[in-house]
């Protein structure tokens, strides 16, 4: 993966939005149950992984 590929991933709007959601989740950890926090963190992680996979496919194709 090249530096340009990494820049493409890091500047993707969906990736940025998901990272902001993760930051909000961390900032609000005290107001959530452990289960809710864990579920939301897993959702965000999966969405980031899925989006990166799509971006990599687009770059390769």
PDB file of N, CA and C in Angstrom:
ATOM      1  N   UNK A   1       0.847  -1.165   0.000  1.00  0.00           N
ATOM      2  CA  UNK A   1       0.000   0.000   0.000  1.00  0.00           C
ATOM      3  C   UNK A   1       0.901   1.238   0.000  1.00  0.00           C
ATOM      4  N   UNK A   2       0.591   2.146  -0.875  1.00  0.00           N
ATOM      5  CA  UNK A   2       1.413   3.346  -1.010  1.00  0.00           C
ATOM      6  C   UNK A   2       0.935   4.445  -0.071  1.00  0.00           C
ATOM      7  N   UNK A   3       1.748   5.452   0.032  1.00  0.00           N
ATOM      8  CA  UNK A   3       1.384   6.616   0.849  1.00  0.00           C
ATOM      9  C   UNK A   3       0.111   7.269   0.309  1.00  0.00           C
ATOM     10  N   UNK A   4      -0.014   7.308  -1.015  1.00  0.00           N
ATOM     11  CA  UNK A   4      -1.215   7.884  -1.634  1.00  0.00           C
ATOM     12  C   UNK A   4      -2.457   7.074  -1.259  1.00  0.00           C
ATOM     13  N   UNK A   5      -2.332   5.746  -1.241  1.00  0.00           N
ATOM     14  CA  UNK A   5      -3.452   4.891  -0.847  1.00  0.00           C
ATOM     15  C   UNK A   5      -3.876   5.189   0.591  1.00  0.00           C
ATOM     16  N   UNK A   6      -2.897   5.326   1.467  1.00  0.00           N
ATOM     17  CA  UNK A   6      -3.198   5.637   2.869  1.00  0.00           C
ATOM     18  C   UNK A   6      -3.866   6.997   3.000  1.00  0.00           C
ATOM     19  N   UNK A   7      -3.422   7.966   2.206  1.00  0.00           N
ATOM     20  CA  UNK A   7      -4.042   9.291   2.230  1.00  0.00           C
ATOM     21  C   UNK A   7      -5.484   9.218   1.744  1.00  0.00           C
ATOM     22  N   UNK A   8      -5.725   8.395   0.725  1.00  0.00           N
ATOM     23  CA  UNK A   8      -7.082   8.223   0.213  1.00  0.00           C
ATOM     24  C   UNK A   8      -7.989   7.659   1.300  1.00  0.00           C
ATOM     25  N   UNK A   9      -7.509   6.655   2.003  1.00  0.00           N
ATOM     26  CA  UNK A   9      -8.296   6.052   3.080  1.00  0.00           C
ATOM     27  C   UNK A   9      -8.519   7.060   4.201  1.00  0.00           C
ATOM     28  N   UNK A  10      -7.472   7.742   4.624  1.00  0.00           N
ATOM     29  CA  UNK A  10      -7.573   8.674   5.746  1.00  0.00           C
ATOM     30  C   UNK A  10      -8.422   9.895   5.443  1.00  0.00           C
ATOM     31  N   UNK A  11      -8.567  10.248   4.166  1.00  0.00           N
ATOM     32  CA  UNK A  11      -9.358  11.430   3.821  1.00  0.00           C
ATOM     33  C   UNK A  11     -10.772  11.081   3.368  1.00  0.00           C
ATOM     34  N   UNK A  12     -11.115   9.799   3.375  1.00  0.00           N
ATOM     35  CA  UNK A  12     -12.453   9.374   2.983  1.00  0.00           C
ATOM     36  C   UNK A  12     -13.481   9.895   3.988  1.00  0.00           C
ATOM     37  N   UNK A  13     -14.542  10.479   3.479  1.00  0.00           N
ATOM     38  CA  UNK A  13     -15.546  11.119   4.345  1.00  0.00           C
ATOM     39  C   UNK A  13     -16.191  10.113   5.301  1.00  0.00           C
ATOM     40  N   UNK A  14     -16.502   8.919   4.811  1.00  0.00           N
ATOM     41  CA  UNK A  14     -17.122   7.911   5.680  1.00  0.00           C
ATOM     42  C   UNK A  14     -16.171   7.486   6.797  1.00  0.00           C
ATOM     43  N   UNK A  15     -14.904   7.333   6.473  1.00  0.00           N
ATOM     44  CA  UNK A  15     -13.910   6.967   7.489  1.00  0.00           C
ATOM     45  C   UNK A  15     -13.807   8.076   8.530  1.00  0.00           C
ATOM     46  N   UNK A  16     -13.778   9.306   8.078  1.00  0.00           N
ATOM     47  CA  UNK A  16     -13.703  10.446   8.998  1.00  0.00           C
ATOM     48  C   UNK A  16     -14.920  10.469   9.913  1.00  0.00           C
ATOM     49  N   UNK A  17     -16.107  10.279   9.345  1.00  0.00           N
ATOM     50  CA  UNK A  17     -17.333  10.273  10.149  1.00  0.00           C
ATOM     51  C   UNK A  17     -17.319   9.150  11.187  1.00  0.00           C
ATOM     52  N   UNK A  18     -16.863   7.973  10.784  1.00  0.00           N
ATOM     53  CA  UNK A  18     -16.805   6.849  11.717  1.00  0.00           C
ATOM     54  C   UNK A  18     -15.790   7.101  12.829  1.00  0.00           C
ATOM     55  N   UNK A  19     -14.677   7.719  12.506  1.00  0.00           N
ATOM     56  CA  UNK A  19     -13.690   8.057  13.545  1.00  0.00           C
ATOM     57  C   UNK A  19     -14.265   9.083  14.520  1.00  0.00           C
ATOM     58  N   UNK A  20     -15.053  10.001  14.004  1.00  0.00           N
ATOM     59  CA  UNK A  20     -15.696  10.984  14.880  1.00  0.00           C
ATOM     60  C   UNK A  20     -16.713  10.292  15.789  1.00  0.00           C
ATOM     61  N   UNK A  21     -17.427   9.303  15.262  1.00  0.00           N
ATOM     62  CA  UNK A  21     -18.354   8.531  16.088  1.00  0.00           C
ATOM     63  C   UNK A  21     -17.603   7.794  17.191  1.00  0.00           C
ATOM     64  N   UNK A  22     -16.448   7.240  16.854  1.00  0.00           N
ATOM     65  CA  UNK A  22     -15.633   6.539  17.849  1.00  0.00           C
ATOM     66  C   UNK A  22     -15.171   7.503  18.941  1.00  0.00           C
ATOM     67  N   UNK A  23     -14.775   8.696  18.532  1.00  0.00           N
ATOM     68  CA  UNK A  23     -14.348   9.697  19.510  1.00  0.00           C
ATOM     69  C   UNK A  23     -15.506  10.089  20.426  1.00  0.00           C
ATOM     70  N   UNK A  24     -16.687  10.291  19.848  1.00  0.00           N
ATOM     71  CA  UNK A  24     -17.868  10.610  20.652  1.00  0.00           C
ATOM     72  C   UNK A  24     -18.190   9.475  21.620  1.00  0.00           C
ATOM     73  N   UNK A  25     -18.062   8.249  21.146  1.00  0.00           N
ATOM     74  CA  UNK A  25     -18.321   7.094  21.996  1.00  0.00           C
ATOM     75  C   UNK A  25     -17.372   7.081  23.189  1.00  0.00           C
ATOM     76  N   UNK A  26     -16.100   7.318  22.936  1.00  0.00           N
ATOM     77  CA  UNK A  26     -15.112   7.347  24.018  1.00  0.00           C
ATOM     78  C   UNK A  26     -15.424   8.469  25.005  1.00  0.00           C
ATOM     79  N   UNK A  27     -15.816   9.624  24.488  1.00  0.00           N
ATOM     80  CA  UNK A  27     -16.123  10.755  25.357  1.00  0.00           C
ATOM     81  C   UNK A  27     -17.366  10.523  26.207  1.00  0.00           C
ATOM     82  N   UNK A  28     -18.258   9.635  25.757  1.00  0.00           N
ATOM     83  CA  UNK A  28     -19.506   9.377  26.480  1.00  0.00           C
ATOM     84  C   UNK A  28     -19.523   8.015  27.161  1.00  0.00           C
ATOM     85  N   UNK A  29     -18.368   7.411  27.338  1.00  0.00           N
ATOM     86  CA  UNK A  29     -18.285   6.061  27.886  1.00  0.00           C
ATOM     87  C   UNK A  29     -18.965   5.956  29.251  1.00  0.00           C
ATOM     88  N   UNK A  30     -18.891   6.983  30.052  1.00  0.00           N
ATOM     89  CA  UNK A  30     -19.446   6.919  31.401  1.00  0.00           C
ATOM     90  C   UNK A  30     -20.966   6.891  31.413  1.00  0.00           C
ATOM     91  N   UNK A  31     -21.595   7.344  30.334  1.00  0.00           N
ATOM     92  CA  UNK A  31     -23.058   7.380  30.294  1.00  0.00           C
ATOM     93  C   UNK A  31     -23.660   6.124  29.662  1.00  0.00           C
ATOM     94  N   UNK A  32     -22.818   5.166  29.277  1.00  0.00           N
ATOM     95  CA  UNK A  32     -23.297   3.941  28.635  1.00  0.00           C
ATOM     96  C   UNK A  32     -22.994   2.727  29.498  1.00  0.00           C
ATOM     97  N   UNK A  33     -23.828   1.711  29.351  1.00  0.00           N
ATOM     98  CA  UNK A  33     -23.513   0.443  30.010  1.00  0.00           C
ATOM     99  C   UNK A  33     -22.339  -0.199  29.271  1.00  0.00           C
ATOM    100  N   UNK A  34     -21.690  -1.135  29.938  1.00  0.00           N
ATOM    101  CA  UNK A  34     -20.566  -1.828  29.300  1.00  0.00           C
ATOM    102  C   UNK A  34     -21.009  -2.512  28.013  1.00  0.00           C
ATOM    103  N   UNK A  35     -22.179  -3.125  28.057  1.00  0.00           N
ATOM    104  CA  UNK A  35     -22.680  -3.839  26.878  1.00  0.00           C
ATOM    105  C   UNK A  35     -22.969  -2.879  25.726  1.00  0.00           C
ATOM    106  N   UNK A  36     -23.615  -1.748  26.022  1.00  0.00           N
ATOM    107  CA  UNK A  36     -23.903  -0.766  24.977  1.00  0.00           C
ATOM    108  C   UNK A  36     -22.613  -0.213  24.379  1.00  0.00           C
ATOM    109  N   UNK A  37     -21.647   0.078  25.231  1.00  0.00           N
ATOM    110  CA  UNK A  37     -20.365   0.587  24.745  1.00  0.00           C
ATOM    111  C   UNK A  37     -19.688  -0.437  23.841  1.00  0.00           C
ATOM    112  N   UNK A  38     -19.646  -1.675  24.298  1.00  0.00           N
ATOM    113  CA  UNK A  38     -19.003  -2.743  23.534  1.00  0.00           C
ATOM    114  C   UNK A  38     -19.700  -2.949  22.183  1.00  0.00           C
ATOM    115  N   UNK A  39     -21.028  -2.964  22.189  1.00  0.00           N
ATOM    116  CA  UNK A  39     -21.774  -3.154  20.941  1.00  0.00           C
ATOM    117  C   UNK A  39     -21.526  -2.018  19.957  1.00  0.00           C
ATOM    118  N   UNK A  40     -21.542  -0.814  20.458  1.00  0.00           N
ATOM    119  CA  UNK A  40     -21.327   0.344  19.584  1.00  0.00           C
ATOM    120  C   UNK A  40     -19.890   0.370  19.056  1.00  0.00           C
ATOM    121  N   UNK A  41     -18.941   0.039  19.906  1.00  0.00           N
ATOM    122  CA  UNK A  41     -17.539  -0.006  19.473  1.00  0.00           C
ATOM    123  C   UNK A  41     -17.345  -1.069  18.390  1.00  0.00           C
ATOM    124  N   UNK A  42     -17.978  -2.211  18.555  1.00  0.00           N
ATOM    125  CA  UNK A  42     -17.870  -3.273  17.551  1.00  0.00           C
ATOM    126  C   UNK A  42     -18.524  -2.855  16.238  1.00  0.00           C
ATOM    127  N   UNK A  43     -19.649  -2.159  16.318  1.00  0.00           N
ATOM    128  CA  UNK A  43     -20.322  -1.688  15.112  1.00  0.00           C
ATOM    129  C   UNK A  43     -19.422  -0.728  14.342  1.00  0.00           C
ATOM    130  N   UNK A  44     -18.845   0.227  15.055  1.00  0.00           N
ATOM    131  CA  UNK A  44     -17.972   1.212  14.414  1.00  0.00           C
ATOM    132  C   UNK A  44     -16.754   0.522  13.808  1.00  0.00           C
ATOM    133  N   UNK A  45     -16.155  -0.395  14.550  1.00  0.00           N
ATOM    134  CA  UNK A  45     -14.985  -1.112  14.042  1.00  0.00           C
ATOM    135  C   UNK A  45     -15.320  -1.876  12.763  1.00  0.00           C
ATOM    136  N   UNK A  46     -16.465  -2.553  12.748  1.00  0.00           N
ATOM    137  CA  UNK A  46     -16.862  -3.315  11.559  1.00  0.00           C
ATOM    138  C   UNK A  46     -17.106  -2.388  10.375  1.00  0.00           C
ATOM    139  N   UNK A  47     -17.773  -1.266  10.610  1.00  0.00           N
ATOM    140  CA  UNK A  47     -18.035  -0.327   9.521  1.00  0.00           C
ATOM    141  C   UNK A  47     -16.737   0.259   8.960  1.00  0.00           C
ATOM    142  N   UNK A  48     -15.779   0.547   9.828  1.00  0.00           N
ATOM    143  CA  UNK A  48     -14.481   1.050   9.356  1.00  0.00           C
ATOM    144  C   UNK A  48     -13.778  -0.027   8.531  1.00  0.00           C
ATOM    145  N   UNK A  49     -13.749  -1.255   9.048  1.00  0.00           N
ATOM    146  CA  UNK A  49     -13.104  -2.352   8.316  1.00  0.00           C
ATOM    147  C   UNK A  49     -13.761  -2.570   6.956  1.00  0.00           C
ATOM    148  N   UNK A  50     -15.099  -2.543   6.931  1.00  0.00           N
ATOM    149  CA  UNK A  50     -15.827  -2.740   5.673  1.00  0.00           C
ATOM    150  C   UNK A  50     -15.534  -1.621   4.683  1.00  0.00           C
ATOM    151  N   UNK A  51     -15.494  -0.396   5.168  1.00  0.00           N
ATOM    152  CA  UNK A  51     -15.236   0.744   4.278  1.00  0.00           C
ATOM    153  C   UNK A  51     -13.815   0.687   3.727  1.00  0.00           C
ATOM    154  N   UNK A  52     -12.855   0.335   4.563  1.00  0.00           N
ATOM    155  CA  UNK A  52     -11.471   0.214   4.093  1.00  0.00           C
ATOM    156  C   UNK A  52     -11.382  -0.870   3.025  1.00  0.00           C
ATOM    157  N   UNK A  53     -12.083  -1.974   3.215  1.00  0.00           N
ATOM    158  CA  UNK A  53     -12.079  -3.044   2.216  1.00  0.00           C
ATOM    159  C   UNK A  53     -12.626  -2.545   0.881  1.00  0.00           C
ATOM    160  N   UNK A  54     -13.702  -1.764   0.917  1.00  0.00           N
ATOM    161  CA  UNK A  54     -14.278  -1.201  -0.307  1.00  0.00           C
ATOM    162  C   UNK A  54     -13.282  -0.267  -0.978  1.00  0.00           C
ATOM    163  N   UNK A  55     -12.654   0.591  -0.199  1.00  0.00           N
ATOM    164  CA  UNK A  55     -11.685   1.534  -0.763  1.00  0.00           C
ATOM    165  C   UNK A  55     -10.500   0.805  -1.394  1.00  0.00           C
ATOM    166  N   UNK A  56     -10.024  -0.241  -0.746  1.00  0.00           N
ATOM    167  CA  UNK A  56      -8.903  -1.007  -1.294  1.00  0.00           C
ATOM    168  C   UNK A  56      -9.311  -1.668  -2.607  1.00  0.00           C
ATOM    169  N   UNK A  57     -10.517  -2.213  -2.654  1.00  0.00           N
ATOM    170  CA  UNK A  57     -11.002  -2.813  -3.902  1.00  0.00           C
ATOM    171  C   UNK A  57     -11.057  -1.777  -5.017  1.00  0.00           C
ATOM    172  N   UNK A  58     -11.526  -0.584  -4.691  1.00  0.00           N
ATOM    173  CA  UNK A  58     -11.610   0.478  -5.692  1.00  0.00           C
ATOM    174  C   UNK A  58     -10.222   0.875  -6.184  1.00  0.00           C
ATOM    175  N   UNK A  59      -9.253   0.920  -5.289  1.00  0.00           N
ATOM    176  CA  UNK A  59      -7.897   1.303  -5.676  1.00  0.00           C
ATOM    177  C   UNK A  59      -7.236   0.224  -6.534  1.00  0.00           C
ATOM    178  N   UNK A  60      -7.557  -1.040  -6.254  1.00  0.00           N
ATOM    179  CA  UNK A  60      -6.963  -2.140  -7.004  1.00  0.00           C
ATOM    180  C   UNK A  60      -7.637  -2.332  -8.357  1.00  0.00           C
ATOM    181  N   UNK A  61      -8.907  -1.953  -8.439  1.00  0.00           N
ATOM    182  CA  UNK A  61      -9.672  -2.194  -9.666  1.00  0.00           C
ATOM    183  C   UNK A  61      -9.704  -1.038 -10.528  1.00  0.00           C
TER     184      UNK A  61
END
